[in-house]
Amino acid sequence: MLDRESIIIIRERATLEQVERILETLRVYIKVVVDIERRILAGGGEKHAWCEAVLLEDGSRQSNIWGANWTPFNQLSITNRLSIFVPVKITAR
């Protein structure tokens, strides 16, 4: 079940307080979904789909949404397109 309280939409550079709040769910990494057109992201929750749903409700288009797991402690990000069953792009940084 979607827990909207655990999802934050970030429209500008994230503050330390926002990152700490988003980390409350999974503790060691963050689920994020980015709208590459609008240059915003939703973070938090247990599933990328929750962040995706919040961005779609906020006016994002599915074709502009990408998901990632972010580990702030070592700056590792693994990105893949949010598309059911078909990852389009996977990048490790």
C-alpha atoms as a PDB file:
ATOM      1  CA  MET A   1       0.000   0.000   0.000  1.00  0.00           C
ATOM      2  CA  LEU A   2       1.308   3.438  -0.989  1.00  0.00           C
ATOM      3  CA  ASP A   3       2.555   5.407   2.023  1.00  0.00           C
ATOM      4  CA  ARG A   4       2.473   9.025   0.782  1.00  0.00           C
ATOM      5  CA  GLU A   5       3.806  10.283   4.104  1.00  0.00           C
ATOM      6  CA  SER A   6       7.152   8.588   3.422  1.00  0.00           C
ATOM      7  CA  ILE A   7       7.574  10.226  -0.016  1.00  0.00           C
ATOM      8  CA  ILE A   8       9.012  13.712  -0.496  1.00  0.00           C
ATOM      9  CA  ILE A   9       9.035  15.632  -3.781  1.00  0.00           C
ATOM     10  CA  ILE A  10      12.233  17.634  -4.068  1.00  0.00           C
ATOM     11  CA  ARG A  11      12.121  20.564  -6.473  1.00  0.00           C
ATOM     12  CA  GLU A  12      15.445  22.165  -5.484  1.00  0.00           C
ATOM     13  CA  ARG A  13      18.704  20.930  -3.966  1.00  0.00           C
ATOM     14  CA  ALA A  14      17.855  18.511  -1.153  1.00  0.00           C
ATOM     15  CA  THR A  15      18.559  19.590   2.402  1.00  0.00           C
ATOM     16  CA  LEU A  16      20.234  17.343   4.955  1.00  0.00           C
ATOM     17  CA  GLU A  17      16.930  17.201   6.845  1.00  0.00           C
ATOM     18  CA  GLN A  18      15.105  15.948   3.731  1.00  0.00           C
ATOM     19  CA  VAL A  19      17.730  13.249   3.126  1.00  0.00           C
ATOM     20  CA  GLU A  20      17.540  12.145   6.768  1.00  0.00           C
ATOM     21  CA  ARG A  21      13.725  11.984   6.591  1.00  0.00           C
ATOM     22  CA  ILE A  22      13.819   9.900   3.395  1.00  0.00           C
ATOM     23  CA  LEU A  23      16.399   7.557   4.961  1.00  0.00           C
ATOM     24  CA  GLU A  24      13.979   6.720   7.810  1.00  0.00           C
ATOM     25  CA  THR A  25      12.285   4.015   5.728  1.00  0.00           C
ATOM     26  CA  LEU A  26      15.166   1.843   4.486  1.00  0.00           C
ATOM     27  CA  ARG A  27      17.996   3.317   6.619  1.00  0.00           C
ATOM     28  CA  VAL A  28      20.970   2.612   4.292  1.00  0.00           C
ATOM     29  CA  TYR A  29      19.724   3.620   0.853  1.00  0.00           C
ATOM     30  CA  ILE A  30      16.986   5.677  -0.745  1.00  0.00           C
ATOM     31  CA  LYS A  31      14.483   4.818  -3.461  1.00  0.00           C
ATOM     32  CA  VAL A  32      14.224   7.797  -5.822  1.00  0.00           C
ATOM     33  CA  VAL A  33      12.367   8.504  -9.028  1.00  0.00           C
ATOM     34  CA  VAL A  34      13.410  11.426 -11.208  1.00  0.00           C
ATOM     35  CA  ASP A  35      11.390  13.362 -13.765  1.00  0.00           C
ATOM     36  CA  ILE A  36      14.150  14.256 -16.216  1.00  0.00           C
ATOM     37  CA  GLU A  37      11.996  16.825 -18.029  1.00  0.00           C
ATOM     38  CA  ARG A  38      10.768  18.731 -14.958  1.00  0.00           C
ATOM     39  CA  ARG A  39      14.087  18.227 -13.114  1.00  0.00           C
ATOM     40  CA  ILE A  40      12.442  17.113  -9.878  1.00  0.00           C
ATOM     41  CA  LEU A  41      12.548  13.897  -7.902  1.00  0.00           C
ATOM     42  CA  ALA A  42      10.481  11.983  -5.423  1.00  0.00           C
ATOM     43  CA  GLY A  43      12.307  10.024  -2.759  1.00  0.00           C
ATOM     44  CA  GLY A  44      11.467   7.695   0.081  1.00  0.00           C
ATOM     45  CA  GLY A  45       9.181   4.788   0.690  1.00  0.00           C
ATOM     46  CA  GLU A  46       9.753   1.091   0.191  1.00  0.00           C
ATOM     47  CA  LYS A  47       9.151   0.902  -3.568  1.00  0.00           C
ATOM     48  CA  HIS A  48      10.032   2.928  -6.651  1.00  0.00           C
ATOM     49  CA  ALA A  49       6.395   2.585  -7.688  1.00  0.00           C
ATOM     50  CA  TRP A  50       5.356   4.732  -4.714  1.00  0.00           C
ATOM     51  CA  CYS A  51       7.634   7.586  -5.804  1.00  0.00           C
ATOM     52  CA  GLU A  52       6.501   7.083  -9.393  1.00  0.00           C
ATOM     53  CA  ALA A  53       2.828   7.353  -8.384  1.00  0.00           C
ATOM     54  CA  VAL A  54       3.461  10.575  -6.462  1.00  0.00           C
ATOM     55  CA  LEU A  55       5.234  12.164  -9.455  1.00  0.00           C
ATOM     56  CA  LEU A  56       2.494  11.064 -11.856  1.00  0.00           C
ATOM     57  CA  GLU A  57      -0.118  12.597  -9.536  1.00  0.00           C
ATOM     58  CA  ASP A  58       1.988  15.782  -9.524  1.00  0.00           C
ATOM     59  CA  GLY A  59       1.850  16.049 -13.319  1.00  0.00           C
ATOM     60  CA  SER A  60       4.861  14.087 -14.540  1.00  0.00           C
ATOM     61  CA  ARG A  61       4.646  12.027 -17.739  1.00  0.00           C
ATOM     62  CA  GLN A  62       5.572   8.345 -17.612  1.00  0.00           C
ATOM     63  CA  SER A  63       8.069   8.709 -20.478  1.00  0.00           C
ATOM     64  CA  ASN A  64      10.122  11.184 -18.406  1.00  0.00           C
ATOM     65  CA  ILE A  65      10.370   9.102 -15.230  1.00  0.00           C
ATOM     66  CA  TRP A  66      13.501   7.158 -14.251  1.00  0.00           C
ATOM     67  CA  GLY A  67      14.205   5.300 -11.002  1.00  0.00           C
ATOM     68  CA  ALA A  68      17.345   4.832  -8.932  1.00  0.00           C
ATOM     69  CA  ASN A  69      18.621   3.546  -5.633  1.00  0.00           C
ATOM     70  CA  TRP A  70      20.902   6.058  -3.938  1.00  0.00           C
ATOM     71  CA  THR A  71      23.301   5.161  -1.151  1.00  0.00           C
ATOM     72  CA  PRO A  72      24.312   8.520   0.322  1.00  0.00           C
ATOM     73  CA  PHE A  73      27.067   7.013   2.446  1.00  0.00           C
ATOM     74  CA  ASN A  74      29.179   6.044  -0.573  1.00  0.00           C
ATOM     75  CA  GLN A  75      27.458   8.030  -3.357  1.00  0.00           C
ATOM     76  CA  LEU A  76      26.547   4.852  -5.299  1.00  0.00           C
ATOM     77  CA  SER A  77      23.641   5.235  -7.696  1.00  0.00           C
ATOM     78  CA  ILE A  78      22.203   2.527  -9.914  1.00  0.00           C
ATOM     79  CA  THR A  79      19.700   3.895 -12.405  1.00  0.00           C
ATOM     80  CA  ASN A  80      17.147   2.125 -14.546  1.00  0.00           C
ATOM     81  CA  ARG A  81      14.069   3.179 -16.462  1.00  0.00           C
ATOM     82  CA  LEU A  82      10.808   2.588 -14.610  1.00  0.00           C
ATOM     83  CA  SER A  83       9.011   0.376 -17.058  1.00  0.00           C
ATOM     84  CA  ILE A  84       7.227  -2.805 -16.128  1.00  0.00           C
ATOM     85  CA  PHE A  85       9.438  -5.834 -16.854  1.00  0.00           C
ATOM     86  CA  VAL A  86      11.734  -3.990 -19.284  1.00  0.00           C
ATOM     87  CA  PRO A  87      14.699  -2.062 -17.899  1.00  0.00           C
ATOM     88  CA  VAL A  88      15.802   0.209 -20.717  1.00  0.00           C
ATOM     89  CA  LYS A  89      19.012   1.577 -19.282  1.00  0.00           C
ATOM     90  CA  ILE A  90      21.189   0.542 -16.357  1.00  0.00           C
ATOM     91  CA  THR A  91      24.118   2.689 -15.232  1.00  0.00           C
ATOM     92  CA  ALA A  92      26.414   2.285 -12.245  1.00  0.00           C
ATOM     93  CA  ARG A  93      28.304   5.312 -10.951  1.00  0.00           C
END
